[in-house]
Amino acid sequence: MEILLILCAYFIGAIPSGYVLGKLAGVDVRSAGSGNVGATNVARVVGKRQGILTLVIDVAKGVLPVVVGRRMNLAELAIACAGIAAFLGHLYPVYLKFKGGKGVATALGVFLALAPLATLVFVGVFAGVIGSSRIVSLGSIAAAAAAPIALWLLAYPPVLVGMGVLLAVMIVWRHRGNIQRLRAGTEPRFGSASSR
């Protein structure tokens, strides 16, 4: 049952919601804007409504496997592995030749279900950075970096702290292009003309 949950979690996480919503609107988000299939790019090139819907679905992809694992009374390690599988599914979706998003929303869903108190810290860091800089990528990177620290300070089990480290490293790695633009001062700000 644990292996089945992990496999299902990957295929659920791999559902490319942003790509599908973009296609329904006649836009291939992979060839528009930043080329990312995540909510931010969908909002920029398709519309805010589709962007919000992409965000909700991507978060749900992380929540669902964890909730199912808890209902099945599986071990915490197995549930954490299912959350990681959903996250990896979003990053490397089989449906899009393993070229997916950056995983922030799906990681949020995983932590929301596994560590809700720590998630409030991540969201607070994200909101604070976004509010001061209007740069979504910077908020995402800061929230990812805060994840394992918050999990450790709030005394969550080591397996969750370890998962926090893994997801944080992968999210920062997926934002390496954004980091280069941040250093160059060319990263677009949310709501600016250049970000649309």
N, C-alpha and C. Protein backbone atom coordinates (compact mmCIF):
# COMPACT_ATOMS: atom_id res chain seq x y z
N MET A 1 0.83 -1.21 0.00
CA MET A 1 0.00 0.00 0.00
C MET A 1 0.87 1.27 0.00
N GLU A 2 1.98 1.21 0.71
CA GLU A 2 2.87 2.38 0.75
C GLU A 2 3.46 2.67 -0.64
N ILE A 3 3.91 1.60 -1.33
CA ILE A 3 4.46 1.77 -2.68
C ILE A 3 3.40 2.28 -3.63
N LEU A 4 2.20 1.75 -3.51
CA LEU A 4 1.10 2.19 -4.38
C LEU A 4 0.79 3.66 -4.16
N LEU A 5 0.78 4.09 -2.90
CA LEU A 5 0.52 5.50 -2.59
C LEU A 5 1.60 6.40 -3.19
N ILE A 6 2.85 5.99 -3.07
CA ILE A 6 3.96 6.79 -3.59
C ILE A 6 3.87 6.90 -5.11
N LEU A 7 3.55 5.80 -5.79
CA LEU A 7 3.40 5.83 -7.25
C LEU A 7 2.24 6.73 -7.67
N CYS A 8 1.12 6.57 -6.99
CA CYS A 8 -0.05 7.41 -7.30
C CYS A 8 0.25 8.88 -7.04
N ALA A 9 1.00 9.14 -5.97
CA ALA A 9 1.36 10.52 -5.63
C ALA A 9 2.18 11.15 -6.76
N TYR A 10 3.10 10.38 -7.33
CA TYR A 10 3.90 10.91 -8.44
C TYR A 10 3.00 11.28 -9.61
N PHE A 11 2.11 10.38 -10.00
CA PHE A 11 1.27 10.63 -11.18
C PHE A 11 0.27 11.76 -10.93
N ILE A 12 -0.16 11.92 -9.69
CA ILE A 12 -1.02 13.06 -9.35
C ILE A 12 -0.21 14.35 -9.43
N GLY A 13 0.98 14.33 -8.84
CA GLY A 13 1.84 15.51 -8.88
C GLY A 13 2.24 15.90 -10.28
N ALA A 14 2.30 14.92 -11.18
CA ALA A 14 2.72 15.17 -12.55
C ALA A 14 1.64 15.80 -13.42
N ILE A 15 0.42 15.88 -12.93
CA ILE A 15 -0.66 16.49 -13.73
C ILE A 15 -0.29 17.96 -13.99
N PRO A 16 -0.08 18.34 -15.24
CA PRO A 16 0.38 19.71 -15.56
C PRO A 16 -0.79 20.69 -15.66
N SER A 17 -1.30 21.09 -14.52
CA SER A 17 -2.51 21.92 -14.50
C SER A 17 -2.34 23.23 -15.26
N GLY A 18 -1.18 23.88 -15.09
CA GLY A 18 -0.94 25.15 -15.79
C GLY A 18 -0.92 24.97 -17.29
N TYR A 19 -0.29 23.90 -17.74
CA TYR A 19 -0.23 23.60 -19.18
C TYR A 19 -1.63 23.34 -19.73
N VAL A 20 -2.42 22.54 -19.01
CA VAL A 20 -3.78 22.21 -19.46
C VAL A 20 -4.65 23.46 -19.52
N LEU A 21 -4.61 24.29 -18.48
CA LEU A 21 -5.42 25.50 -18.46
C LEU A 21 -4.98 26.48 -19.54
N GLY A 22 -3.68 26.52 -19.79
CA GLY A 22 -3.18 27.37 -20.87
C GLY A 22 -3.68 26.88 -22.22
N LYS A 23 -3.62 25.57 -22.44
CA LYS A 23 -4.08 25.00 -23.71
C LYS A 23 -5.56 25.26 -23.93
N LEU A 24 -6.34 25.17 -22.87
CA LEU A 24 -7.78 25.43 -22.98
C LEU A 24 -8.04 26.88 -23.40
N ALA A 25 -7.10 27.77 -23.07
CA ALA A 25 -7.22 29.18 -23.46
C ALA A 25 -6.48 29.46 -24.76
N GLY A 26 -5.94 28.41 -25.39
CA GLY A 26 -5.24 28.59 -26.65
C GLY A 26 -3.80 29.05 -26.53
N VAL A 27 -3.19 28.85 -25.35
CA VAL A 27 -1.82 29.30 -25.11
C VAL A 27 -0.98 28.13 -24.61
N ASP A 28 0.19 27.93 -25.22
CA ASP A 28 1.16 26.97 -24.71
C ASP A 28 2.10 27.74 -23.78
N VAL A 29 1.90 27.60 -22.49
CA VAL A 29 2.66 28.40 -21.53
C VAL A 29 4.15 28.08 -21.56
N ARG A 30 4.51 26.94 -22.16
CA ARG A 30 5.92 26.58 -22.24
C ARG A 30 6.68 27.44 -23.24
N SER A 31 5.95 28.09 -24.13
CA SER A 31 6.60 28.94 -25.13
C SER A 31 6.19 30.40 -24.98
N ALA A 32 5.71 30.77 -23.81
CA ALA A 32 5.30 32.16 -23.55
C ALA A 32 5.80 32.59 -22.18
N GLY A 33 6.07 33.86 -22.04
CA GLY A 33 6.56 34.37 -20.77
C GLY A 33 7.88 33.72 -20.38
N SER A 34 7.92 33.19 -19.15
CA SER A 34 9.14 32.54 -18.67
C SER A 34 9.26 31.11 -19.17
N GLY A 35 8.18 30.58 -19.78
CA GLY A 35 8.19 29.21 -20.25
C GLY A 35 7.87 28.20 -19.18
N ASN A 36 7.58 28.67 -17.97
CA ASN A 36 7.28 27.79 -16.85
C ASN A 36 5.80 27.44 -16.84
N VAL A 37 5.47 26.24 -16.34
CA VAL A 37 4.07 25.81 -16.30
C VAL A 37 3.40 26.13 -14.96
N GLY A 38 4.08 26.88 -14.11
CA GLY A 38 3.55 27.21 -12.79
C GLY A 38 2.57 28.36 -12.81
N ALA A 39 1.99 28.62 -11.65
CA ALA A 39 0.90 29.60 -11.51
C ALA A 39 1.32 31.02 -11.89
N THR A 40 2.54 31.42 -11.54
CA THR A 40 2.97 32.79 -11.83
C THR A 40 3.00 33.06 -13.33
N ASN A 41 3.59 32.14 -14.08
CA ASN A 41 3.66 32.35 -15.53
C ASN A 41 2.29 32.23 -16.17
N VAL A 42 1.47 31.32 -15.66
CA VAL A 42 0.10 31.18 -16.20
C VAL A 42 -0.67 32.48 -15.99
N ALA A 43 -0.53 33.08 -14.80
CA ALA A 43 -1.21 34.35 -14.53
C ALA A 43 -0.73 35.44 -15.47
N ARG A 44 0.56 35.44 -15.77
CA ARG A 44 1.13 36.47 -16.63
C ARG A 44 0.67 36.34 -18.07
N VAL A 45 0.69 35.12 -18.62
CA VAL A 45 0.46 34.96 -20.06
C VAL A 45 -0.94 34.51 -20.42
N VAL A 46 -1.70 33.99 -19.46
CA VAL A 46 -3.07 33.53 -19.75
C VAL A 46 -4.09 34.41 -19.05
N GLY A 47 -3.90 34.64 -17.75
CA GLY A 47 -4.83 35.46 -17.00
C GLY A 47 -4.79 35.13 -15.52
N LYS A 48 -5.18 36.09 -14.69
CA LYS A 48 -5.11 35.90 -13.24
C LYS A 48 -6.03 34.76 -12.78
N ARG A 49 -7.21 34.64 -13.38
CA ARG A 49 -8.13 33.58 -12.98
C ARG A 49 -7.50 32.20 -13.19
N GLN A 50 -6.89 32.00 -14.36
CA GLN A 50 -6.24 30.72 -14.64
C GLN A 50 -5.02 30.53 -13.75
N GLY A 51 -4.34 31.62 -13.43
CA GLY A 51 -3.19 31.54 -12.54
C GLY A 51 -3.59 31.09 -11.15
N ILE A 52 -4.67 31.66 -10.64
CA ILE A 52 -5.16 31.27 -9.32
C ILE A 52 -5.62 29.82 -9.31
N LEU A 53 -6.31 29.41 -10.37
CA LEU A 53 -6.78 28.03 -10.46
C LEU A 53 -5.59 27.06 -10.54
N THR A 54 -4.56 27.44 -11.28
CA THR A 54 -3.35 26.63 -11.34
C THR A 54 -2.74 26.49 -9.95
N LEU A 55 -2.67 27.59 -9.22
CA LEU A 55 -2.12 27.56 -7.87
C LEU A 55 -2.91 26.61 -6.97
N VAL A 56 -4.23 26.71 -7.01
CA VAL A 56 -5.08 25.87 -6.17
C VAL A 56 -4.89 24.39 -6.49
N ILE A 57 -4.86 24.06 -7.78
CA ILE A 57 -4.70 22.66 -8.18
C ILE A 57 -3.33 22.14 -7.79
N ASP A 58 -2.30 22.96 -8.01
CA ASP A 58 -0.94 22.52 -7.68
C ASP A 58 -0.76 22.32 -6.17
N VAL A 59 -1.38 23.16 -5.37
CA VAL A 59 -1.35 22.95 -3.92
C VAL A 59 -2.09 21.66 -3.56
N ALA A 60 -3.23 21.44 -4.18
CA ALA A 60 -4.03 20.24 -3.90
C ALA A 60 -3.26 18.97 -4.24
N LYS A 61 -2.41 19.04 -5.27
CA LYS A 61 -1.61 17.88 -5.65
C LYS A 61 -0.67 17.46 -4.52
N GLY A 62 -0.23 18.41 -3.72
CA GLY A 62 0.61 18.08 -2.58
C GLY A 62 -0.18 17.64 -1.36
N VAL A 63 -1.37 18.22 -1.19
CA VAL A 63 -2.21 17.89 -0.03
C VAL A 63 -2.77 16.47 -0.13
N LEU A 64 -3.28 16.11 -1.30
CA LEU A 64 -4.04 14.87 -1.46
C LEU A 64 -3.28 13.61 -1.04
N PRO A 65 -2.06 13.36 -1.51
CA PRO A 65 -1.38 12.13 -1.11
C PRO A 65 -1.14 12.05 0.40
N VAL A 66 -0.85 13.19 1.02
CA VAL A 66 -0.62 13.20 2.46
C VAL A 66 -1.90 12.85 3.21
N VAL A 67 -3.01 13.45 2.81
CA VAL A 67 -4.30 13.17 3.46
C VAL A 67 -4.67 11.71 3.29
N VAL A 68 -4.49 11.18 2.09
CA VAL A 68 -4.80 9.76 1.84
C VAL A 68 -3.92 8.86 2.70
N GLY A 69 -2.63 9.18 2.78
CA GLY A 69 -1.72 8.40 3.60
C GLY A 69 -2.10 8.41 5.06
N ARG A 70 -2.54 9.56 5.54
CA ARG A 70 -2.99 9.65 6.94
C ARG A 70 -4.25 8.81 7.16
N ARG A 71 -5.18 8.87 6.20
CA ARG A 71 -6.41 8.07 6.31
C ARG A 71 -6.10 6.58 6.31
N MET A 72 -5.04 6.20 5.63
CA MET A 72 -4.64 4.79 5.57
C MET A 72 -3.79 4.38 6.77
N ASN A 73 -3.51 5.34 7.66
CA ASN A 73 -2.70 5.10 8.86
C ASN A 73 -1.31 4.56 8.53
N LEU A 74 -0.71 5.10 7.47
CA LEU A 74 0.63 4.69 7.09
C LEU A 74 1.67 5.39 7.97
N ALA A 75 2.87 4.86 7.94
CA ALA A 75 3.96 5.43 8.72
C ALA A 75 4.31 6.82 8.21
N GLU A 76 4.82 7.66 9.11
CA GLU A 76 5.17 9.04 8.75
C GLU A 76 6.18 9.09 7.61
N LEU A 77 7.13 8.15 7.61
CA LEU A 77 8.13 8.11 6.55
C LEU A 77 7.48 7.85 5.19
N ALA A 78 6.55 6.93 5.14
CA ALA A 78 5.86 6.61 3.89
C ALA A 78 5.05 7.81 3.40
N ILE A 79 4.40 8.50 4.33
CA ILE A 79 3.61 9.67 3.96
C ILE A 79 4.52 10.78 3.43
N ALA A 80 5.66 10.96 4.10
CA ALA A 80 6.62 11.96 3.64
C ALA A 80 7.13 11.61 2.25
N CYS A 81 7.39 10.34 2.00
CA CYS A 81 7.85 9.89 0.68
C CYS A 81 6.79 10.14 -0.38
N ALA A 82 5.52 9.97 -0.01
CA ALA A 82 4.43 10.26 -0.95
C ALA A 82 4.41 11.75 -1.27
N GLY A 83 4.62 12.58 -0.26
CA GLY A 83 4.68 14.03 -0.50
C GLY A 83 5.83 14.40 -1.42
N ILE A 84 6.98 13.77 -1.19
CA ILE A 84 8.15 14.01 -2.06
C ILE A 84 7.85 13.55 -3.48
N ALA A 85 7.17 12.41 -3.61
CA ALA A 85 6.83 11.89 -4.94
C ALA A 85 5.92 12.85 -5.70
N ALA A 86 4.95 13.43 -5.00
CA ALA A 86 4.06 14.40 -5.65
C ALA A 86 4.85 15.63 -6.09
N PHE A 87 5.76 16.07 -5.25
CA PHE A 87 6.62 17.21 -5.57
C PHE A 87 7.48 16.91 -6.80
N LEU A 88 8.10 15.73 -6.82
CA LEU A 88 8.93 15.34 -7.96
C LEU A 88 8.09 15.17 -9.22
N GLY A 89 6.85 14.73 -9.06
CA GLY A 89 5.96 14.61 -10.20
C GLY A 89 5.72 15.97 -10.85
N HIS A 90 5.58 17.00 -10.02
CA HIS A 90 5.38 18.35 -10.55
C HIS A 90 6.64 18.85 -11.26
N LEU A 91 7.81 18.55 -10.69
CA LEU A 91 9.07 18.99 -11.29
C LEU A 91 9.38 18.23 -12.58
N TYR A 92 9.10 16.92 -12.54
CA TYR A 92 9.46 16.06 -13.68
C TYR A 92 8.25 15.24 -14.13
N PRO A 93 7.26 15.91 -14.73
CA PRO A 93 6.02 15.21 -15.12
C PRO A 93 6.20 14.33 -16.35
N VAL A 94 5.82 13.08 -16.22
CA VAL A 94 5.91 12.15 -17.35
C VAL A 94 5.08 12.63 -18.52
N TYR A 95 4.01 13.36 -18.25
CA TYR A 95 3.11 13.82 -19.30
C TYR A 95 3.72 14.92 -20.18
N LEU A 96 4.75 15.60 -19.68
CA LEU A 96 5.39 16.68 -20.43
C LEU A 96 6.87 16.39 -20.66
N LYS A 97 7.19 15.11 -20.84
CA LYS A 97 8.57 14.68 -21.09
C LYS A 97 9.51 15.14 -19.97
N PHE A 98 8.99 15.10 -18.74
CA PHE A 98 9.75 15.37 -17.53
C PHE A 98 10.24 16.81 -17.42
N LYS A 99 9.55 17.73 -18.08
CA LYS A 99 9.88 19.15 -17.98
C LYS A 99 8.72 19.88 -17.32
N GLY A 100 8.81 20.09 -16.02
CA GLY A 100 7.70 20.67 -15.28
C GLY A 100 8.02 22.01 -14.64
N GLY A 101 7.31 22.29 -13.55
CA GLY A 101 7.44 23.57 -12.87
C GLY A 101 8.53 23.56 -11.81
N LYS A 102 8.45 24.54 -10.93
CA LYS A 102 9.48 24.71 -9.91
C LYS A 102 9.10 24.14 -8.56
N GLY A 103 7.86 23.71 -8.42
CA GLY A 103 7.46 22.93 -7.26
C GLY A 103 7.02 23.68 -6.03
N VAL A 104 6.99 25.00 -6.08
CA VAL A 104 6.68 25.77 -4.87
C VAL A 104 5.27 25.49 -4.36
N ALA A 105 4.28 25.56 -5.25
CA ALA A 105 2.89 25.36 -4.83
C ALA A 105 2.64 23.94 -4.33
N THR A 106 3.21 22.95 -5.03
CA THR A 106 3.02 21.56 -4.61
C THR A 106 3.71 21.30 -3.28
N ALA A 107 4.91 21.87 -3.10
CA ALA A 107 5.58 21.76 -1.81
C ALA A 107 4.75 22.41 -0.70
N LEU A 108 4.14 23.54 -1.01
CA LEU A 108 3.26 24.20 -0.05
C LEU A 108 2.13 23.27 0.36
N GLY A 109 1.54 22.58 -0.61
CA GLY A 109 0.47 21.64 -0.29
C GLY A 109 0.92 20.51 0.61
N VAL A 110 2.11 19.98 0.33
CA VAL A 110 2.66 18.89 1.14
C VAL A 110 2.84 19.36 2.58
N PHE A 111 3.47 20.51 2.76
CA PHE A 111 3.72 21.01 4.11
C PHE A 111 2.44 21.46 4.80
N LEU A 112 1.50 21.97 4.03
CA LEU A 112 0.22 22.38 4.61
C LEU A 112 -0.47 21.21 5.28
N ALA A 113 -0.37 20.03 4.66
CA ALA A 113 -0.99 18.83 5.21
C ALA A 113 -0.16 18.18 6.30
N LEU A 114 1.17 18.28 6.19
CA LEU A 114 2.05 17.60 7.14
C LEU A 114 2.46 18.47 8.33
N ALA A 115 2.64 19.76 8.09
CA ALA A 115 3.16 20.66 9.13
C ALA A 115 2.49 22.03 9.02
N PRO A 116 1.21 22.12 9.36
CA PRO A 116 0.48 23.38 9.16
C PRO A 116 1.05 24.58 9.92
N LEU A 117 1.55 24.36 11.12
CA LEU A 117 2.10 25.48 11.90
C LEU A 117 3.35 26.04 11.22
N ALA A 118 4.23 25.16 10.79
CA ALA A 118 5.43 25.62 10.10
C ALA A 118 5.08 26.29 8.79
N THR A 119 4.01 25.82 8.15
CA THR A 119 3.58 26.40 6.87
C THR A 119 3.20 27.86 7.04
N LEU A 120 2.65 28.21 8.18
CA LEU A 120 2.33 29.62 8.45
C LEU A 120 3.59 30.48 8.41
N VAL A 121 4.69 29.90 8.89
CA VAL A 121 5.96 30.63 8.87
C VAL A 121 6.43 30.83 7.43
N PHE A 122 6.37 29.73 6.62
CA PHE A 122 6.79 29.84 5.22
C PHE A 122 5.99 30.90 4.49
N VAL A 123 4.66 30.83 4.68
CA VAL A 123 3.77 31.76 3.99
C VAL A 123 4.05 33.19 4.44
N GLY A 124 4.33 33.36 5.75
CA GLY A 124 4.67 34.69 6.26
C GLY A 124 5.94 35.24 5.64
N VAL A 125 6.95 34.38 5.51
CA VAL A 125 8.21 34.79 4.88
C VAL A 125 7.96 35.15 3.42
N PHE A 126 7.22 34.29 2.72
CA PHE A 126 6.90 34.53 1.31
C PHE A 126 6.17 35.86 1.13
N ALA A 127 5.13 36.07 1.94
CA ALA A 127 4.33 37.29 1.84
C ALA A 127 5.16 38.53 2.16
N GLY A 128 6.02 38.42 3.18
CA GLY A 128 6.84 39.56 3.56
C GLY A 128 7.82 39.96 2.47
N VAL A 129 8.45 38.96 1.85
CA VAL A 129 9.41 39.25 0.78
C VAL A 129 8.69 39.79 -0.45
N ILE A 130 7.56 39.18 -0.79
CA ILE A 130 6.78 39.65 -1.94
C ILE A 130 6.30 41.09 -1.70
N GLY A 131 5.84 41.36 -0.48
CA GLY A 131 5.33 42.69 -0.17
C GLY A 131 6.39 43.77 -0.28
N SER A 132 7.62 43.42 0.06
CA SER A 132 8.69 44.42 0.03
C SER A 132 9.40 44.51 -1.32
N SER A 133 9.40 43.40 -2.08
CA SER A 133 10.16 43.40 -3.33
C SER A 133 9.30 43.26 -4.58
N ARG A 134 8.10 42.69 -4.44
CA ARG A 134 7.22 42.36 -5.58
C ARG A 134 7.88 41.40 -6.56
N ILE A 135 8.81 40.59 -6.05
CA ILE A 135 9.48 39.59 -6.88
C ILE A 135 9.09 38.21 -6.37
N VAL A 136 8.28 37.50 -7.16
CA VAL A 136 7.75 36.21 -6.73
C VAL A 136 8.86 35.19 -6.51
N SER A 137 9.82 35.15 -7.41
CA SER A 137 10.90 34.17 -7.29
C SER A 137 11.70 34.36 -6.00
N LEU A 138 11.94 35.62 -5.62
CA LEU A 138 12.69 35.90 -4.40
C LEU A 138 11.91 35.43 -3.18
N GLY A 139 10.59 35.65 -3.18
CA GLY A 139 9.74 35.17 -2.10
C GLY A 139 9.76 33.65 -2.01
N SER A 140 9.73 32.99 -3.17
CA SER A 140 9.75 31.52 -3.21
C SER A 140 11.06 30.97 -2.66
N ILE A 141 12.16 31.58 -3.06
CA ILE A 141 13.48 31.13 -2.60
C ILE A 141 13.61 31.34 -1.09
N ALA A 142 13.16 32.50 -0.61
CA ALA A 142 13.25 32.80 0.83
C ALA A 142 12.38 31.84 1.64
N ALA A 143 11.17 31.56 1.16
CA ALA A 143 10.29 30.63 1.86
C ALA A 143 10.87 29.23 1.89
N ALA A 144 11.45 28.81 0.77
CA ALA A 144 12.07 27.48 0.71
C ALA A 144 13.21 27.38 1.70
N ALA A 145 14.04 28.42 1.77
CA ALA A 145 15.18 28.42 2.69
C ALA A 145 14.71 28.41 4.14
N ALA A 146 13.56 29.03 4.39
CA ALA A 146 13.03 29.09 5.76
C ALA A 146 12.40 27.77 6.20
N ALA A 147 12.02 26.93 5.23
CA ALA A 147 11.27 25.71 5.56
C ALA A 147 11.98 24.79 6.54
N PRO A 148 13.19 24.30 6.25
CA PRO A 148 13.81 23.38 7.21
C PRO A 148 14.12 24.02 8.55
N ILE A 149 14.41 25.32 8.53
CA ILE A 149 14.70 26.03 9.79
C ILE A 149 13.46 26.07 10.67
N ALA A 150 12.33 26.42 10.07
CA ALA A 150 11.07 26.49 10.82
C ALA A 150 10.66 25.11 11.32
N LEU A 151 10.82 24.10 10.48
CA LEU A 151 10.47 22.73 10.90
C LEU A 151 11.32 22.28 12.08
N TRP A 152 12.60 22.64 12.06
CA TRP A 152 13.50 22.27 13.14
C TRP A 152 13.18 23.05 14.42
N LEU A 153 12.98 24.36 14.30
CA LEU A 153 12.69 25.18 15.48
C LEU A 153 11.37 24.80 16.13
N LEU A 154 10.41 24.35 15.33
CA LEU A 154 9.10 23.96 15.87
C LEU A 154 9.06 22.49 16.26
N ALA A 155 10.22 21.85 16.27
CA ALA A 155 10.39 20.48 16.79
C ALA A 155 9.55 19.45 16.05
N TYR A 156 9.47 19.59 14.74
CA TYR A 156 8.82 18.54 13.94
C TYR A 156 9.76 17.35 13.86
N PRO A 157 9.23 16.14 13.55
CA PRO A 157 10.07 14.94 13.48
C PRO A 157 11.21 15.10 12.48
N PRO A 158 12.34 14.44 12.74
CA PRO A 158 13.50 14.55 11.85
C PRO A 158 13.19 14.23 10.39
N VAL A 159 12.25 13.30 10.16
CA VAL A 159 11.93 12.95 8.77
C VAL A 159 11.35 14.15 8.03
N LEU A 160 10.58 14.98 8.73
CA LEU A 160 10.01 16.16 8.09
C LEU A 160 11.05 17.26 7.91
N VAL A 161 11.97 17.37 8.87
CA VAL A 161 13.06 18.33 8.72
C VAL A 161 13.92 17.96 7.52
N GLY A 162 14.22 16.65 7.41
CA GLY A 162 15.00 16.17 6.27
C GLY A 162 14.28 16.42 4.95
N MET A 163 12.98 16.21 4.95
CA MET A 163 12.19 16.48 3.74
C MET A 163 12.23 17.96 3.42
N GLY A 164 12.18 18.78 4.46
CA GLY A 164 12.26 20.23 4.26
C GLY A 164 13.56 20.65 3.60
N VAL A 165 14.65 20.02 4.03
CA VAL A 165 15.97 20.32 3.44
C VAL A 165 15.98 19.92 1.96
N LEU A 166 15.49 18.70 1.68
CA LEU A 166 15.49 18.20 0.30
C LEU A 166 14.67 19.09 -0.62
N LEU A 167 13.45 19.41 -0.21
CA LEU A 167 12.58 20.22 -1.06
C LEU A 167 13.14 21.63 -1.22
N ALA A 168 13.72 22.17 -0.15
CA ALA A 168 14.30 23.52 -0.22
C ALA A 168 15.44 23.57 -1.23
N VAL A 169 16.32 22.58 -1.16
CA VAL A 169 17.47 22.54 -2.08
C VAL A 169 16.99 22.44 -3.53
N MET A 170 15.99 21.60 -3.76
CA MET A 170 15.50 21.41 -5.13
C MET A 170 14.78 22.65 -5.65
N ILE A 171 14.04 23.31 -4.78
CA ILE A 171 13.35 24.54 -5.20
C ILE A 171 14.36 25.63 -5.55
N VAL A 172 15.37 25.80 -4.70
CA VAL A 172 16.40 26.80 -4.99
C VAL A 172 17.12 26.45 -6.29
N TRP A 173 17.42 25.18 -6.50
CA TRP A 173 18.08 24.75 -7.73
C TRP A 173 17.22 25.06 -8.95
N ARG A 174 15.92 24.83 -8.84
CA ARG A 174 15.02 25.09 -9.97
C ARG A 174 14.90 26.59 -10.25
N HIS A 175 15.28 27.41 -9.28
CA HIS A 175 15.23 28.86 -9.46
C HIS A 175 16.60 29.45 -9.84
N ARG A 176 17.53 28.61 -10.28
CA ARG A 176 18.88 29.11 -10.56
C ARG A 176 18.88 30.19 -11.65
N GLY A 177 17.99 30.06 -12.64
CA GLY A 177 17.88 31.10 -13.66
C GLY A 177 17.39 32.41 -13.08
N ASN A 178 16.43 32.31 -12.16
CA ASN A 178 15.93 33.50 -11.48
C ASN A 178 17.01 34.15 -10.63
N ILE A 179 17.83 33.32 -9.99
CA ILE A 179 18.91 33.84 -9.15
C ILE A 179 19.90 34.64 -9.99
N GLN A 180 20.20 34.13 -11.18
CA GLN A 180 21.09 34.88 -12.08
C GLN A 180 20.49 36.23 -12.46
N ARG A 181 19.18 36.24 -12.74
CA ARG A 181 18.52 37.50 -13.09
C ARG A 181 18.43 38.44 -11.90
N LEU A 182 18.26 37.89 -10.71
CA LEU A 182 18.25 38.72 -9.50
C LEU A 182 19.60 39.40 -9.31
N ARG A 183 20.66 38.66 -9.54
CA ARG A 183 22.00 39.23 -9.42
C ARG A 183 22.24 40.32 -10.47
N ALA A 184 21.66 40.10 -11.65
CA ALA A 184 21.83 41.07 -12.73
C ALA A 184 20.86 42.24 -12.64
N GLY A 185 19.88 42.13 -11.73
CA GLY A 185 18.88 43.17 -11.58
C GLY A 185 17.85 43.19 -12.68
N THR A 186 17.66 42.03 -13.36
CA THR A 186 16.71 41.97 -14.48
C THR A 186 15.48 41.10 -14.19
N GLU A 187 15.39 40.59 -12.98
CA GLU A 187 14.24 39.76 -12.64
C GLU A 187 12.98 40.63 -12.58
N PRO A 188 11.91 40.24 -13.32
CA PRO A 188 10.70 41.08 -13.34
C PRO A 188 9.98 41.11 -11.99
N ARG A 189 9.36 42.23 -11.72
CA ARG A 189 8.55 42.38 -10.52
C ARG A 189 7.11 42.08 -10.84
N PHE A 190 6.41 41.45 -9.92
CA PHE A 190 5.02 41.07 -10.17
C PHE A 190 4.17 42.33 -10.36
N GLY A 191 3.39 42.35 -11.44
CA GLY A 191 2.53 43.49 -11.71
C GLY A 191 3.15 44.53 -12.59
N SER A 192 4.49 44.39 -12.85
CA SER A 192 5.13 45.37 -13.73
C SER A 192 4.87 45.00 -15.18
N ALA A 193 5.07 45.95 -16.07
CA ALA A 193 4.83 45.71 -17.49
C ALA A 193 5.75 44.62 -18.02
N SER A 194 6.97 44.56 -17.52
CA SER A 194 7.93 43.57 -18.01
C SER A 194 7.60 42.16 -17.58
N SER A 195 6.75 42.02 -16.55
CA SER A 195 6.41 40.69 -16.06
C SER A 195 5.22 40.11 -16.75
N ARG A 196 4.58 40.89 -17.59
CA ARG A 196 3.38 40.41 -18.25
C ARG A 196 3.71 39.74 -19.57
